[in-house]
Amino acid sequence: MRLEPLPSLTDNPVDAFDTEQLIQILGCSRSTAARYQAGTQTPRPAELAHLRALAERRIMPSSWPKSMYFRGDKLHTPLDREPLTHAQIQQSQWVARQWYGTMDFMAKAEKGLREISPQLTFAELTKVRPIHAEMQKELEKENPLSHQVRKRRQWFRHDGC
């Protein structure tokens, strides 16, 4: 699902919503929503805070587990871990992108190696295979679980799955 760009907020978060949205969000009448938009009446502070949070997409979707929640600037999860800060979540996303990028590169490199192996001389193969084995060992040290997953995939392929 692709998110629409955030509306540009002025000092008044009411500007991010049309009349129908204000009616639905705040449960107000059409005339009240119109006064809010015209600026002749101001929503209560709690309503303004709610509108701003909605406009900035800072409210957790109802599809998320109820056991996950924000307290202050940290995300609490049901796991026995310290709550996560925004920086930690961004860092884990970066690490995951790097990991998957590396794994994708390794898969392409292995495929390329398999394709050119029949064309290489024995001397060339003896140079390439130790480097390949060393790279795989390093990856296994970094994430032993991925090695187990990879082995299972190889077993499934071997069994015709």
C-alpha atoms as a PDB file:
ATOM      1  CA  MET A   1       0.000   0.000   0.000  1.00  0.00           C
ATOM      2  CA  ARG A   2       1.434   3.368  -0.988  1.00  0.00           C
ATOM      3  CA  LEU A   3       0.744   6.297   1.305  1.00  0.00           C
ATOM      4  CA  GLU A   4      -0.338   9.621  -0.071  1.00  0.00           C
ATOM      5  CA  PRO A   5       2.016  12.506   0.722  1.00  0.00           C
ATOM      6  CA  LEU A   6       1.373  14.273   3.983  1.00  0.00           C
ATOM      7  CA  PRO A   7      -0.709  17.410   3.633  1.00  0.00           C
ATOM      8  CA  SER A   8       1.241  20.563   4.252  1.00  0.00           C
ATOM      9  CA  LEU A   9       0.135  21.766   7.659  1.00  0.00           C
ATOM     10  CA  THR A  10      -0.274  25.348   8.555  1.00  0.00           C
ATOM     11  CA  ASP A  11      -0.646  26.349  12.179  1.00  0.00           C
ATOM     12  CA  ASN A  12      -4.213  25.085  11.960  1.00  0.00           C
ATOM     13  CA  PRO A  13      -4.550  21.299  11.463  1.00  0.00           C
ATOM     14  CA  VAL A  14      -8.201  21.832  10.454  1.00  0.00           C
ATOM     15  CA  ASP A  15      -6.861  22.888   7.030  1.00  0.00           C
ATOM     16  CA  ALA A  16      -5.708  19.305   6.347  1.00  0.00           C
ATOM     17  CA  PHE A  17      -9.296  18.001   6.245  1.00  0.00           C
ATOM     18  CA  ASP A  18     -12.437  18.703   4.269  1.00  0.00           C
ATOM     19  CA  THR A  19     -15.866  19.231   5.835  1.00  0.00           C
ATOM     20  CA  GLU A  20     -16.966  15.598   5.576  1.00  0.00           C
ATOM     21  CA  GLN A  21     -13.752  14.375   7.189  1.00  0.00           C
ATOM     22  CA  LEU A  22     -14.105  16.834  10.065  1.00  0.00           C
ATOM     23  CA  ILE A  23     -17.686  15.680  10.649  1.00  0.00           C
ATOM     24  CA  GLN A  24     -16.592  12.048  10.710  1.00  0.00           C
ATOM     25  CA  ILE A  25     -13.473  12.569  12.860  1.00  0.00           C
ATOM     26  CA  LEU A  26     -14.862  14.995  15.413  1.00  0.00           C
ATOM     27  CA  GLY A  27     -18.500  13.958  15.358  1.00  0.00           C
ATOM     28  CA  CYS A  28     -19.568  17.574  14.932  1.00  0.00           C
ATOM     29  CA  SER A  29     -22.336  19.096  12.845  1.00  0.00           C
ATOM     30  CA  ARG A  30     -21.828  20.385   9.314  1.00  0.00           C
ATOM     31  CA  SER A  31     -22.235  23.981  10.490  1.00  0.00           C
ATOM     32  CA  THR A  32     -19.611  23.512  13.239  1.00  0.00           C
ATOM     33  CA  ALA A  33     -17.187  21.974  10.734  1.00  0.00           C
ATOM     34  CA  ALA A  34     -17.800  24.943   8.415  1.00  0.00           C
ATOM     35  CA  ARG A  35     -17.080  27.398  11.266  1.00  0.00           C
ATOM     36  CA  TYR A  36     -13.858  25.526  12.069  1.00  0.00           C
ATOM     37  CA  GLN A  37     -12.785  25.778   8.430  1.00  0.00           C
ATOM     38  CA  ALA A  38     -13.748  29.450   8.157  1.00  0.00           C
ATOM     39  CA  GLY A  39     -11.812  30.209  11.333  1.00  0.00           C
ATOM     40  CA  THR A  40     -14.759  31.798  13.114  1.00  0.00           C
ATOM     41  CA  GLN A  41     -14.673  29.038  15.732  1.00  0.00           C
ATOM     42  CA  THR A  42     -11.722  27.020  16.998  1.00  0.00           C
ATOM     43  CA  PRO A  43     -11.889  23.337  17.945  1.00  0.00           C
ATOM     44  CA  ARG A  44     -11.086  22.454  21.553  1.00  0.00           C
ATOM     45  CA  PRO A  45      -7.367  21.834  22.253  1.00  0.00           C
ATOM     46  CA  ALA A  46      -7.863  18.062  22.456  1.00  0.00           C
ATOM     47  CA  GLU A  47      -9.623  18.088  19.074  1.00  0.00           C
ATOM     48  CA  LEU A  48      -6.808  20.149  17.549  1.00  0.00           C
ATOM     49  CA  ALA A  49      -4.218  17.722  18.947  1.00  0.00           C
ATOM     50  CA  HIS A  50      -6.187  14.781  17.525  1.00  0.00           C
ATOM     51  CA  LEU A  51      -6.495  16.426  14.099  1.00  0.00           C
ATOM     52  CA  ARG A  52      -2.774  17.215  14.040  1.00  0.00           C
ATOM     53  CA  ALA A  53      -1.894  13.623  15.001  1.00  0.00           C
ATOM     54  CA  LEU A  54      -4.171  12.286  12.255  1.00  0.00           C
ATOM     55  CA  ALA A  55      -2.805  14.681   9.640  1.00  0.00           C
ATOM     56  CA  GLU A  56       0.772  13.743  10.523  1.00  0.00           C
ATOM     57  CA  ARG A  57      -0.086  10.000  10.609  1.00  0.00           C
ATOM     58  CA  ARG A  58       0.972   9.680  14.218  1.00  0.00           C
ATOM     59  CA  ILE A  59      -1.902   7.467  15.354  1.00  0.00           C
ATOM     60  CA  MET A  60      -1.257   3.733  15.417  1.00  0.00           C
ATOM     61  CA  PRO A  61      -3.612   1.822  13.090  1.00  0.00           C
ATOM     62  CA  SER A  62      -6.255  -0.351  14.732  1.00  0.00           C
ATOM     63  CA  SER A  63      -4.889  -3.325  12.767  1.00  0.00           C
ATOM     64  CA  TRP A  64      -1.760  -3.339  14.969  1.00  0.00           C
ATOM     65  CA  PRO A  65      -1.773  -5.682  17.981  1.00  0.00           C
ATOM     66  CA  LYS A  66      -3.317  -4.144  21.088  1.00  0.00           C
ATOM     67  CA  SER A  67      -0.237  -5.205  23.056  1.00  0.00           C
ATOM     68  CA  MET A  68       1.878  -2.683  21.118  1.00  0.00           C
ATOM     69  CA  TYR A  69       1.601   0.918  22.220  1.00  0.00           C
ATOM     70  CA  PHE A  70       3.464   4.197  22.483  1.00  0.00           C
ATOM     71  CA  ARG A  71       4.379   5.742  25.797  1.00  0.00           C
ATOM     72  CA  GLY A  72       6.200   9.006  25.354  1.00  0.00           C
ATOM     73  CA  ASP A  73       8.511   8.620  22.372  1.00  0.00           C
ATOM     74  CA  LYS A  74       9.032   4.857  22.721  1.00  0.00           C
ATOM     75  CA  LEU A  75       7.237   1.907  21.165  1.00  0.00           C
ATOM     76  CA  HIS A  76       6.436  -0.781  23.713  1.00  0.00           C
ATOM     77  CA  THR A  77       6.007  -4.354  22.489  1.00  0.00           C
ATOM     78  CA  PRO A  78       4.930  -7.577  24.204  1.00  0.00           C
ATOM     79  CA  LEU A  79       8.468  -8.910  23.860  1.00  0.00           C
ATOM     80  CA  ASP A  80      10.758  -8.956  26.859  1.00  0.00           C
ATOM     81  CA  ARG A  81      12.808  -6.094  25.476  1.00  0.00           C
ATOM     82  CA  GLU A  82      13.402  -2.486  26.225  1.00  0.00           C
ATOM     83  CA  PRO A  83      10.969  -0.164  24.424  1.00  0.00           C
ATOM     84  CA  LEU A  84      12.176   1.032  21.030  1.00  0.00           C
ATOM     85  CA  THR A  85      12.967   4.596  20.111  1.00  0.00           C
ATOM     86  CA  HIS A  86      12.467   6.032  16.626  1.00  0.00           C
ATOM     87  CA  ALA A  87      16.237   5.937  16.053  1.00  0.00           C
ATOM     88  CA  GLN A  88      16.412   2.236  16.957  1.00  0.00           C
ATOM     89  CA  ILE A  89      13.563   1.397  14.596  1.00  0.00           C
ATOM     90  CA  GLN A  90      15.231   3.331  11.767  1.00  0.00           C
ATOM     91  CA  GLN A  91      18.538   1.613  12.501  1.00  0.00           C
ATOM     92  CA  SER A  92      16.947  -1.850  12.411  1.00  0.00           C
ATOM     93  CA  GLN A  93      15.258  -1.005   9.099  1.00  0.00           C
ATOM     94  CA  TRP A  94      18.611   0.101   7.671  1.00  0.00           C
ATOM     95  CA  VAL A  95      20.305  -3.087   8.885  1.00  0.00           C
ATOM     96  CA  ALA A  96      17.512  -5.213   7.388  1.00  0.00           C
ATOM     97  CA  ARG A  97      17.789  -3.417   4.025  1.00  0.00           C
ATOM     98  CA  GLN A  98      21.554  -3.921   4.030  1.00  0.00           C
ATOM     99  CA  TRP A  99      21.182  -7.587   4.976  1.00  0.00           C
ATOM    100  CA  TYR A 100      18.611  -8.328   2.290  1.00  0.00           C
ATOM    101  CA  GLY A 101      20.646  -6.386  -0.255  1.00  0.00           C
ATOM    102  CA  THR A 102      23.707  -8.462   0.619  1.00  0.00           C
ATOM    103  CA  MET A 103      21.746 -11.700   0.416  1.00  0.00           C
ATOM    104  CA  ASP A 104      20.341 -10.663  -2.965  1.00  0.00           C
ATOM    105  CA  PHE A 105      23.858  -9.869  -4.185  1.00  0.00           C
ATOM    106  CA  MET A 106      25.121 -13.232  -2.910  1.00  0.00           C
ATOM    107  CA  ALA A 107      22.322 -15.097  -4.692  1.00  0.00           C
ATOM    108  CA  LYS A 108      23.139 -13.303  -7.952  1.00  0.00           C
ATOM    109  CA  ALA A 109      26.868 -13.944  -7.466  1.00  0.00           C
ATOM    110  CA  GLU A 110      26.253 -17.641  -6.809  1.00  0.00           C
ATOM    111  CA  LYS A 111      24.027 -17.903  -9.879  1.00  0.00           C
ATOM    112  CA  GLY A 112      26.684 -16.195 -11.976  1.00  0.00           C
ATOM    113  CA  LEU A 113      29.351 -18.490 -10.578  1.00  0.00           C
ATOM    114  CA  ARG A 114      27.269 -21.561 -11.427  1.00  0.00           C
ATOM    115  CA  GLU A 115      26.744 -20.254 -14.954  1.00  0.00           C
ATOM    116  CA  ILE A 116      30.404 -19.589 -15.651  1.00  0.00           C
ATOM    117  CA  SER A 117      31.843 -22.565 -13.724  1.00  0.00           C
ATOM    118  CA  PRO A 118      31.662 -24.938 -16.702  1.00  0.00           C
ATOM    119  CA  GLN A 119      33.624 -22.428 -18.803  1.00  0.00           C
ATOM    120  CA  LEU A 120      36.412 -21.901 -16.261  1.00  0.00           C
ATOM    121  CA  THR A 121      39.615 -23.823 -16.274  1.00  0.00           C
ATOM    122  CA  PHE A 122      40.548 -25.877 -13.231  1.00  0.00           C
ATOM    123  CA  ALA A 123      43.136 -23.270 -12.222  1.00  0.00           C
ATOM    124  CA  GLU A 124      40.546 -20.483 -12.370  1.00  0.00           C
ATOM    125  CA  LEU A 125      38.060 -22.511 -10.334  1.00  0.00           C
ATOM    126  CA  THR A 126      40.631 -23.196  -7.630  1.00  0.00           C
ATOM    127  CA  LYS A 127      41.061 -19.420  -7.248  1.00  0.00           C
ATOM    128  CA  VAL A 128      37.345 -18.579  -7.124  1.00  0.00           C
ATOM    129  CA  ARG A 129      35.973 -21.336  -4.860  1.00  0.00           C
ATOM    130  CA  PRO A 130      38.000 -20.476  -1.718  1.00  0.00           C
ATOM    131  CA  ILE A 131      36.902 -16.833  -1.988  1.00  0.00           C
ATOM    132  CA  HIS A 132      33.285 -17.949  -2.351  1.00  0.00           C
ATOM    133  CA  ALA A 133      33.573 -20.306   0.636  1.00  0.00           C
ATOM    134  CA  GLU A 134      35.155 -17.552   2.743  1.00  0.00           C
ATOM    135  CA  MET A 135      32.310 -15.162   1.903  1.00  0.00           C
ATOM    136  CA  GLN A 136      29.736 -17.777   2.904  1.00  0.00           C
ATOM    137  CA  LYS A 137      31.506 -18.445   6.220  1.00  0.00           C
ATOM    138  CA  GLU A 138      31.508 -14.739   7.025  1.00  0.00           C
ATOM    139  CA  LEU A 139      27.795 -14.503   6.297  1.00  0.00           C
ATOM    140  CA  GLU A 140      27.106 -17.560   8.458  1.00  0.00           C
ATOM    141  CA  LYS A 141      29.007 -15.969  11.362  1.00  0.00           C
ATOM    142  CA  GLU A 142      26.926 -12.802  11.061  1.00  0.00           C
ATOM    143  CA  ASN A 143      23.600 -14.611  10.938  1.00  0.00           C
ATOM    144  CA  PRO A 144      23.575 -18.353  11.655  1.00  0.00           C
ATOM    145  CA  LEU A 145      19.786 -18.486  11.237  1.00  0.00           C
ATOM    146  CA  SER A 146      19.990 -17.467   7.577  1.00  0.00           C
ATOM    147  CA  HIS A 147      22.444 -20.327   7.017  1.00  0.00           C
ATOM    148  CA  GLN A 148      19.894 -22.769   8.474  1.00  0.00           C
ATOM    149  CA  VAL A 149      17.147 -21.340   6.272  1.00  0.00           C
ATOM    150  CA  ARG A 150      19.367 -21.605   3.226  1.00  0.00           C
ATOM    151  CA  LYS A 151      20.230 -25.253   4.028  1.00  0.00           C
ATOM    152  CA  ARG A 152      16.525 -26.089   4.379  1.00  0.00           C
ATOM    153  CA  ARG A 153      15.833 -24.471   0.999  1.00  0.00           C
ATOM    154  CA  GLN A 154      18.598 -26.585  -0.512  1.00  0.00           C
ATOM    155  CA  TRP A 155      17.085 -29.740   1.032  1.00  0.00           C
ATOM    156  CA  PHE A 156      13.629 -28.824  -0.316  1.00  0.00           C
ATOM    157  CA  ARG A 157      15.047 -28.196  -3.788  1.00  0.00           C
ATOM    158  CA  HIS A 158      16.930 -31.504  -3.608  1.00  0.00           C
ATOM    159  CA  ASP A 159      13.689 -33.301  -2.679  1.00  0.00           C
ATOM    160  CA  GLY A 160      11.864 -31.649  -5.574  1.00  0.00           C
ATOM    161  CA  CYS A 161       9.763 -29.222  -3.530  1.00  0.00           C
END
